[in-house]
Protein backbone atom coordinates (compact mmCIF):
# COMPACT_ATOMS: atom_id res chain seq x y z
CA MET A 1 7.90 13.10 -27.46
CA THR A 2 11.11 14.87 -29.31
CA THR A 3 14.39 14.48 -27.76
CA SER A 4 16.55 17.73 -27.15
CA ASP A 5 20.22 17.65 -27.67
CA HIS A 6 21.75 17.40 -24.28
CA PRO A 7 23.55 20.41 -23.03
CA ALA A 8 26.92 19.45 -21.13
CA ALA A 9 26.57 19.33 -17.27
CA SER A 10 26.71 22.70 -16.07
CA ALA A 11 28.02 23.08 -12.21
CA SER A 12 24.40 23.44 -10.78
CA THR A 13 23.93 19.72 -11.88
CA VAL A 14 26.33 18.24 -9.84
CA PRO A 15 25.60 19.58 -6.20
CA ASP A 16 28.24 21.50 -4.17
CA ALA A 17 29.60 18.97 -1.28
CA ALA A 18 28.48 21.74 1.37
CA VAL A 19 25.01 21.43 -0.41
CA LEU A 20 25.28 17.69 -0.54
CA ASP A 21 25.68 17.85 3.45
CA TRP A 22 23.31 20.11 4.06
CA LEU A 23 20.83 17.74 2.26
CA LEU A 24 21.63 14.83 4.09
CA ALA A 25 21.60 16.79 7.90
CA GLY A 26 17.57 17.26 7.02
CA ASP A 27 14.34 15.20 7.63
CA PRO A 28 14.98 11.43 7.21
CA ALA A 29 12.41 12.20 3.90
CA ILE A 30 15.00 14.54 2.29
CA ARG A 31 17.96 11.91 3.11
CA TRP A 32 16.96 9.08 1.35
CA GLN A 33 15.31 10.99 -1.94
CA THR A 34 19.25 12.45 -2.16
CA MET A 35 20.83 9.11 -1.39
CA ARG A 36 18.76 7.77 -3.95
CA ASP A 37 19.16 10.42 -6.85
CA LEU A 38 22.01 12.10 -5.96
CA THR A 39 24.60 9.81 -4.28
CA ALA A 40 26.01 6.52 -5.08
CA ALA A 41 24.54 4.99 -2.07
CA SER A 42 23.49 1.46 -2.05
CA ALA A 43 19.80 0.18 -2.56
CA ASP A 44 20.49 -1.65 1.16
CA GLU A 45 21.36 1.93 2.11
CA VAL A 46 18.73 3.84 0.51
CA ALA A 47 16.36 1.45 2.07
CA ALA A 48 17.46 1.73 5.74
CA GLU A 49 17.26 5.77 5.69
CA ARG A 50 13.96 5.32 3.85
CA ALA A 51 12.76 2.96 6.65
CA ARG A 52 13.09 5.98 9.33
CA VAL A 53 10.10 7.84 7.55
CA GLU A 54 7.76 6.03 9.70
CA THR A 55 9.39 6.56 12.91
CA GLU A 56 11.69 9.72 12.92
CA GLY A 57 10.68 13.57 11.54
CA TRP A 58 7.58 14.87 9.42
CA GLY A 59 6.72 11.48 9.14
CA ALA A 60 6.34 10.33 12.23
CA ARG A 61 4.91 13.30 13.40
CA LEU A 62 2.06 12.96 10.89
CA LEU A 63 1.55 9.39 11.76
CA ALA A 64 1.30 10.55 15.34
CA LEU A 65 -1.78 12.91 14.41
CA ARG A 66 -3.80 9.75 12.67
CA ASP A 67 -7.45 9.16 14.63
CA ALA A 68 -7.79 5.56 15.65
CA ASP A 69 -10.11 5.03 12.70
CA GLY A 70 -7.56 5.67 10.34
CA LEU A 71 -8.37 8.86 9.43
CA TRP A 72 -6.63 12.99 10.20
CA ALA A 73 -9.43 15.48 11.14
CA GLY A 74 -12.06 13.30 10.75
CA GLY A 75 -12.54 13.34 6.80
CA ALA A 76 -11.52 12.77 3.65
CA CYS A 77 -11.16 16.01 1.58
CA PHE A 78 -12.07 18.50 4.51
CA PRO A 79 -12.01 18.21 8.05
CA ARG A 80 -14.92 16.97 10.08
CA LYS A 81 -15.71 20.34 11.74
CA VAL A 82 -16.00 21.90 8.06
CA VAL A 83 -18.18 19.55 7.07
CA ASP A 84 -20.39 20.02 10.03
CA ASP A 85 -20.35 23.80 9.38
CA TRP A 86 -21.40 23.20 5.73
CA LYS A 87 -24.37 21.12 7.00
CA ALA A 88 -25.55 23.20 9.48
CA GLY A 89 -25.45 26.06 6.84
CA ILE A 90 -22.56 27.73 8.14
CA GLU A 91 -19.98 28.72 4.95
CA PRO A 92 -16.43 27.93 6.28
CA ASP A 93 -13.71 30.91 5.64
CA PHE A 94 -11.40 29.81 2.98
CA SER A 95 -9.86 33.50 2.76
CA ASP A 96 -6.58 32.03 3.28
CA GLY A 97 -7.01 28.83 1.68
CA GLN A 98 -8.42 25.68 2.34
CA PRO A 99 -7.34 23.47 5.32
CA TRP A 100 -5.07 20.63 4.73
CA THR A 101 -5.09 18.89 8.13
CA SER A 102 -7.41 15.60 6.58
CA THR A 103 -6.93 12.48 5.07
CA LEU A 104 -6.18 13.27 1.73
CA PRO A 105 -3.40 15.84 2.02
CA VAL A 106 -2.22 13.87 4.99
CA LEU A 107 -1.90 10.97 3.13
CA ARG A 108 -0.56 12.59 -0.01
CA VAL A 109 2.38 14.16 1.58
CA LEU A 110 3.23 10.83 3.32
CA ARG A 111 3.39 9.16 -0.46
CA ASP A 112 5.63 12.20 -1.14
CA LEU A 113 7.81 11.75 1.88
CA GLY A 114 8.49 8.21 0.89
CA LEU A 115 6.51 6.49 3.67
CA ASP A 116 7.44 2.44 3.32
CA PRO A 117 4.45 1.05 1.79
CA GLY A 118 5.10 -1.88 3.50
CA SER A 119 5.79 -0.63 6.95
CA ALA A 120 3.43 -1.15 10.35
CA ALA A 121 2.02 2.01 10.09
CA ALA A 122 1.44 2.06 6.29
CA ARG A 123 -0.23 -1.23 6.32
CA GLU A 124 -2.29 -0.13 9.26
CA THR A 125 -3.62 3.10 8.10
CA VAL A 126 -4.47 1.99 4.51
CA ALA A 127 -7.11 -0.67 5.89
CA LEU A 128 -8.49 1.53 8.11
CA VAL A 129 -8.96 4.44 5.28
CA THR A 130 -10.31 1.39 3.07
CA GLU A 131 -12.83 0.22 5.84
CA ASN A 132 -13.49 3.78 7.27
CA GLY A 133 -12.60 6.64 4.45
CA ARG A 134 -15.53 8.20 2.61
CA TRP A 135 -15.87 11.38 0.66
CA GLU A 136 -17.90 14.17 1.54
CA HIS A 137 -19.47 14.40 -1.99
CA ASP A 138 -21.60 11.26 -1.74
CA ASP A 139 -19.99 9.02 0.85
CA GLN A 140 -18.32 6.89 -1.61
CA ALA A 141 -15.69 4.55 -0.59
CA PHE A 142 -12.29 6.34 -0.44
CA PHE A 143 -10.01 4.47 -2.50
CA ASP A 144 -13.18 4.23 -5.81
CA GLY A 145 -12.82 8.41 -5.57
CA GLU A 146 -15.31 10.90 -6.16
CA VAL A 147 -16.33 13.26 -8.97
CA GLU A 148 -13.35 15.51 -9.57
CA PRO A 149 -10.33 14.26 -11.25
CA CYS A 150 -8.02 16.35 -9.48
CA ILE A 151 -8.79 14.91 -6.33
CA ASN A 152 -8.73 11.54 -7.81
CA GLY A 153 -5.39 12.19 -9.31
CA GLN A 154 -4.05 12.31 -6.00
CA THR A 155 -6.03 9.64 -4.55
CA LEU A 156 -4.80 7.17 -7.05
CA ALA A 157 -1.20 8.67 -6.69
CA ILE A 158 -1.64 7.45 -2.67
CA GLY A 159 -3.78 4.37 -3.47
CA SER A 160 -1.11 3.06 -5.86
CA TRP A 161 1.96 3.79 -3.68
CA PHE A 162 0.54 1.93 -0.65
CA GLY A 163 -1.42 -0.97 -2.43
CA ALA A 164 -4.70 -0.25 -1.90
CA ASP A 165 -7.57 -1.40 -4.75
CA VAL A 166 -7.89 1.75 -7.27
CA ASP A 167 -8.65 -0.31 -10.34
CA VAL A 168 -12.40 1.27 -10.07
CA LEU A 169 -10.51 4.73 -9.42
CA VAL A 170 -8.55 4.54 -12.30
CA THR A 171 -11.32 3.13 -14.78
CA GLY A 172 -12.93 6.01 -14.21
CA LEU A 173 -9.79 8.89 -14.98
CA LEU A 174 -9.49 6.95 -17.90
CA GLY A 175 -12.86 7.88 -19.09
CA GLU A 176 -12.67 11.62 -17.92
CA GLN A 177 -9.57 12.50 -20.13
CA LEU A 178 -10.48 15.25 -22.49
CA ALA A 179 -10.23 15.66 -26.09
CA ASP A 180 -6.78 18.08 -25.61
CA GLY A 181 -5.12 15.04 -23.72
CA GLY A 182 -5.67 16.68 -19.96
CA TRP A 183 -8.18 16.65 -17.46
CA ASN A 184 -10.32 19.51 -15.48
CA CYS A 185 -12.35 19.48 -11.97
CA GLU A 186 -14.50 21.83 -13.83
CA THR A 187 -15.83 19.12 -16.51
CA GLU A 188 -19.15 18.19 -14.05
CA ARG A 189 -20.21 22.09 -14.87
CA GLY A 190 -19.34 22.22 -18.08
CA SER A 191 -15.77 22.76 -19.11
CA THR A 192 -13.91 21.46 -21.91
CA VAL A 193 -10.69 22.48 -21.94
CA SER A 194 -8.11 21.11 -20.05
CA SER A 195 -6.28 22.57 -16.53
CA PHE A 196 -2.76 22.35 -15.54
CA HIS A 197 -3.48 21.79 -12.14
CA THR A 198 -5.87 18.41 -12.34
CA THR A 199 -3.38 17.23 -15.09
CA ILE A 200 -0.36 17.02 -13.17
CA CYS A 201 -2.38 15.47 -10.83
CA VAL A 202 -3.62 12.54 -13.13
CA VAL A 203 -0.36 11.84 -14.68
CA GLU A 204 1.48 11.43 -11.27
CA GLY A 205 -1.26 8.74 -10.21
CA LEU A 206 -1.56 7.38 -13.26
CA LEU A 207 2.69 7.15 -13.67
CA ASP A 208 2.22 5.66 -9.86
CA TYR A 209 -0.84 3.23 -10.50
CA GLU A 210 1.26 2.01 -13.93
CA ARG A 211 4.72 1.37 -11.58
CA SER A 212 2.28 -0.36 -8.79
CA GLY A 213 1.72 -2.79 -11.83
CA GLY A 214 -1.84 -1.98 -12.09
CA ALA A 215 -4.08 -4.17 -14.27
CA VAL A 216 -5.41 -1.41 -16.35
CA PRO A 217 -3.41 -0.07 -19.46
CA VAL A 218 -2.89 3.77 -18.83
CA ALA A 219 1.09 4.26 -20.28
CA ASP A 220 -0.94 5.93 -23.40
CA ALA A 221 -2.98 8.38 -21.29
CA ARG A 222 -0.37 9.47 -19.21
CA ARG A 223 1.50 10.25 -22.27
CA ARG A 224 -1.40 12.07 -23.92
CA GLY A 225 -1.41 14.01 -20.36
CA GLU A 226 1.98 14.66 -20.61
CA GLU A 227 1.57 16.01 -23.94
CA TYR A 228 -0.65 18.61 -23.32
CA LEU A 229 1.60 20.05 -20.44
CA LEU A 230 4.92 19.84 -23.33
CA GLU A 231 2.82 21.62 -26.00
CA ARG A 232 2.84 24.49 -23.79
CA HIS A 233 6.12 24.24 -22.62
CA LEU A 234 5.04 23.64 -18.94
CA LEU A 235 4.23 27.40 -18.62
CA ARG A 236 2.37 29.21 -21.62
CA ARG A 237 -0.70 29.24 -22.93
CA ARG A 238 -0.73 27.48 -26.57
CA SER A 239 -2.76 30.30 -28.27
CA THR A 240 -0.40 33.03 -27.14
CA GLY A 241 2.70 31.90 -25.80
CA GLU A 242 2.16 33.62 -22.94
CA VAL A 243 2.67 32.37 -19.25
CA VAL A 244 -0.46 31.24 -17.86
CA SER A 245 0.15 32.16 -13.93
CA ASP A 246 3.49 34.19 -12.40
CA GLY A 247 2.23 31.88 -9.48
CA TRP A 248 3.59 28.51 -11.65
CA LEU A 249 7.05 30.36 -11.41
CA ARG A 250 7.53 30.15 -7.88
CA PHE A 251 8.26 26.77 -6.51
CA ALA A 252 6.22 25.37 -3.57
CA TRP A 253 5.90 22.41 -1.62
CA PRO A 254 4.01 20.88 -0.36
CA PRO A 255 2.39 21.28 -3.99
CA ARG A 256 -1.19 20.12 -2.82
CA TRP A 257 -3.24 19.89 -5.87
CA HIS A 258 -1.24 23.01 -7.16
CA TYR A 259 0.70 22.84 -10.31
CA ASP A 260 4.22 24.91 -10.64
CA VAL A 261 7.03 24.18 -13.11
CA LEU A 262 9.42 22.21 -10.91
CA ARG A 263 6.77 20.28 -10.17
CA GLY A 264 5.87 19.46 -13.93
CA LEU A 265 9.66 18.71 -14.57
CA ASP A 266 10.01 16.66 -11.72
CA HIS A 267 7.39 14.79 -12.92
CA LEU A 268 8.80 14.29 -16.34
CA ARG A 269 11.93 13.34 -14.62
CA ALA A 270 10.16 10.57 -12.61
CA ALA A 271 8.40 9.58 -15.88
CA GLY A 272 11.63 8.63 -17.64
CA GLY A 273 13.47 9.11 -20.90
CA PRO A 274 15.12 11.82 -21.97
CA PRO A 275 14.01 15.59 -21.72
CA ASP A 276 11.86 16.98 -24.39
CA ALA A 277 13.31 19.97 -26.36
CA ARG A 278 10.08 21.81 -25.21
CA THR A 279 11.23 21.63 -21.69
CA ALA A 280 14.13 24.35 -22.13
CA ASP A 281 11.91 27.59 -21.11
CA ALA A 282 11.22 25.78 -17.85
CA VAL A 283 14.33 24.38 -17.21
CA ARG A 284 16.24 27.13 -17.81
CA LEU A 285 14.19 29.09 -15.21
CA VAL A 286 14.78 26.29 -12.53
CA ARG A 287 18.97 27.18 -13.22
CA ASP A 288 18.36 30.49 -12.52
CA LYS A 289 16.66 30.47 -9.23
CA GLN A 290 19.52 28.76 -8.34
CA GLN A 291 20.90 30.86 -5.23
CA PRO A 292 25.09 31.81 -5.13
CA ASP A 293 25.24 29.33 -2.12
CA GLY A 294 23.87 26.30 -4.53
CA ARG A 295 20.33 26.22 -3.28
CA TRP A 296 16.95 27.24 -3.89
CA LEU A 297 14.64 28.84 -1.65
CA LEU A 298 10.92 27.87 -0.94
CA GLU A 299 9.16 30.95 -3.09
CA ARG A 300 5.67 29.65 -1.76
CA THR A 301 3.35 27.64 1.00
CA HIS A 302 -0.24 27.21 -0.32
CA GLY A 303 -2.34 29.19 2.14
CA GLY A 304 -4.63 27.32 4.28
CA GLN A 305 -4.47 25.44 8.16
CA THR A 306 -1.77 22.75 8.43
CA TRP A 307 -0.66 20.34 11.28
CA PHE A 308 2.92 22.16 10.91
CA ALA A 309 5.01 24.24 8.82
CA PHE A 310 7.88 21.36 6.84
CA GLU A 311 9.73 24.88 5.87
CA GLU A 312 10.26 28.72 6.04
CA ASP A 313 9.05 31.12 3.10
CA GLY A 314 11.91 32.92 1.68
CA GLU A 315 14.27 30.31 3.53
CA PRO A 316 16.37 27.94 1.61
CA SER A 317 14.49 24.56 0.72
CA ARG A 318 15.54 21.41 1.18
CA TRP A 319 12.63 20.26 -0.79
CA ASN A 320 13.33 22.50 -3.91
CA THR A 321 17.18 21.71 -3.66
CA LEU A 322 16.62 18.18 -3.83
CA ARG A 323 14.29 18.66 -6.65
CA ALA A 324 15.95 21.26 -8.64
CA LEU A 325 19.21 18.95 -8.38
CA ARG A 326 17.40 16.20 -9.85
CA VAL A 327 15.54 17.71 -12.45
CA LEU A 328 18.31 19.49 -13.67
CA ALA A 329 20.97 16.19 -13.87
CA TRP A 330 18.05 14.75 -15.71
CA ALA A 331 18.01 17.57 -18.28
CA ASP A 332 21.80 18.11 -18.36
CA GLY A 333 21.89 14.30 -19.17
CA ALA A 334 23.90 13.70 -16.13
């Protein structure tokens, strides 16, 4: 990646004390990441706070909803009821979005919350999902993946974070990388160009796999995927320079399988290294969205059935504020 000149740290780089206090008054998942990314807390203090994800707040609520077999809502990608309806010839109503109550989306949120892989709940859940989880597509084992790389990229992130065996899965994803550097869930239906949505899911999974010490080399493939995003400045069509989708300019949490600009930037920050000059438009967008009180709003929640709401649309968002502040700190070289 081409290194940009770092601008001087702006006021938005350093969180206001009131904003920092507000973040630290949130869920344990927010607190431990705020401590790690925005304060001088020690590693022991961060680890102690992260341990609370298992027993308090959003993480504990999601874990309490798990079935005895380790699954959520009886299914891998979709709840069992949806699958049973399909088998009965009943088309489910996804007009408001697909349901997010099954095993894949819940485990992905638990990974993003930072549930400690060594916790008792995480170890038990991964063992049970390994034994009982099967994809609706063709009864494949959960951590071997199915056929859509957007699903498999998320599964790779989950398995890598929680210590499952995902070597078969990552090998398959490497073989599905397209000539332009990215991935697309529509390749099985003939697509030959990549998708932002699918590519972000896969490069996040590859980064988690790389950091887990996986045996399969993935760094070059990950960087090619990131280059696909950077060539398009994280938001534009390469052919015309136009913004691909206005929806990508609205920051959502949880992101599910959907791309948006903040998600793309937060991945590049996590991947390490200085920011590329081609992120400038995206960084400016994040900076411009800061509210007068120093916070960022939840601009979008992806529709569909959920177990519960994490935050409210249109209201100040701890998730977006945390991610925006750490992205801007990275962009400003702070």
